[in-house]
């Protein structure tokens, strides 16, 4: 499925922790709580609103380019999946 024109690539899943349902995402641009993201990889394509995120196990409201964040996801993902901001 092609991405919609208003979606901006913001990062790549760098790790996924299945036991807690959390993905580590290396950001190419900023992101904040309340933003809507779309994750695409393999047969998976879903959207989710950022309800909370962490940097080094500390809750943050926003993250900047270059940060690696952890976010709880509603579906399992894999390393290398692409992340877009809606």
Protein backbone atom coordinates (compact mmCIF):
# COMPACT_ATOMS: atom_id res chain seq x y z
CA UNK A 1 0.00 0.00 0.00
CA UNK A 2 1.44 3.40 -0.95
CA UNK A 3 1.75 6.07 1.68
CA UNK A 4 -0.57 9.04 1.53
CA UNK A 5 0.95 12.36 0.48
CA UNK A 6 0.57 14.01 3.91
CA UNK A 7 2.55 11.30 5.68
CA UNK A 8 6.15 12.07 6.56
CA UNK A 9 8.74 9.35 7.18
CA UNK A 10 9.96 9.86 10.74
CA UNK A 11 11.96 6.78 11.60
CA UNK A 12 12.64 3.08 11.66
CA UNK A 13 11.86 0.46 14.29
CA UNK A 14 15.28 -0.36 15.78
CA UNK A 15 14.04 -3.03 18.21
CA UNK A 16 10.86 -4.61 19.53
CA UNK A 17 10.32 -6.01 23.01
CA UNK A 18 7.53 -8.55 22.63
CA UNK A 19 7.13 -9.28 26.35
CA UNK A 20 6.07 -5.66 27.01
CA UNK A 21 4.77 -4.71 23.54
CA UNK A 22 7.19 -1.80 23.19
CA UNK A 23 9.03 -0.69 20.05
CA UNK A 24 12.25 1.31 20.04
CA UNK A 25 12.16 3.83 17.20
CA UNK A 26 15.13 5.87 15.97
CA UNK A 27 13.73 9.26 14.94
CA UNK A 28 14.65 11.21 11.80
CA UNK A 29 12.42 14.10 12.89
CA UNK A 30 10.57 15.29 16.00
CA UNK A 31 7.53 13.60 17.50
CA UNK A 32 5.22 14.47 20.39
CA UNK A 33 2.50 12.94 22.50
CA UNK A 34 -0.81 13.01 20.61
CA UNK A 35 0.79 12.67 17.17
CA UNK A 36 -0.64 9.97 14.95
CA UNK A 37 1.80 7.50 13.41
CA UNK A 38 1.58 4.77 10.79
CA UNK A 39 3.83 1.72 10.83
CA UNK A 40 4.45 -0.29 7.67
CA UNK A 41 6.47 -3.46 7.26
CA UNK A 42 5.96 -7.02 6.03
CA UNK A 43 2.19 -7.60 5.83
CA UNK A 44 1.56 -5.04 8.59
CA UNK A 45 0.13 -1.56 8.05
CA UNK A 46 -1.56 0.18 11.00
CA UNK A 47 -2.06 3.57 12.58
CA UNK A 48 -1.86 4.57 16.22
CA UNK A 49 -1.87 7.75 18.29
CA UNK A 50 1.11 8.28 20.58
CA UNK A 51 -0.32 8.06 24.10
CA UNK A 52 3.06 8.01 25.84
CA UNK A 53 6.72 7.62 24.98
CA UNK A 54 9.95 7.20 26.85
CA UNK A 55 13.61 8.04 26.36
CA UNK A 56 15.96 5.99 28.57
CA UNK A 57 12.97 4.74 30.63
CA UNK A 58 11.80 8.30 31.43
CA UNK A 59 8.41 9.52 30.20
CA UNK A 60 8.69 12.48 27.80
CA UNK A 61 6.07 14.60 26.02
CA UNK A 62 8.17 15.15 22.92
CA UNK A 63 11.32 13.86 21.26
CA UNK A 64 13.64 15.39 18.69
CA UNK A 65 15.52 14.23 15.62
CA UNK A 66 18.15 11.65 16.55
CA UNK A 67 16.39 10.47 19.73
CA UNK A 68 15.55 6.81 20.20
CA UNK A 69 12.14 6.50 21.82
CA UNK A 70 10.18 3.62 23.27
CA UNK A 71 6.44 3.46 22.62
CA UNK A 72 3.86 0.84 23.50
CA UNK A 73 2.18 -0.49 20.36
CA UNK A 74 -1.15 -2.23 19.82
CA UNK A 75 0.45 -4.69 17.37
CA UNK A 76 3.74 -6.57 17.18
CA UNK A 77 6.35 -5.12 14.83
CA UNK A 78 9.85 -6.07 13.72
CA UNK A 79 13.16 -4.32 13.40
CA UNK A 80 13.34 -2.35 10.15
CA UNK A 81 9.64 -1.48 9.87
CA UNK A 82 9.10 2.08 8.66
CA UNK A 83 7.34 4.71 10.76
CA UNK A 84 5.44 7.71 9.34
CA UNK A 85 3.76 10.69 10.96
CA UNK A 86 0.20 11.42 9.79
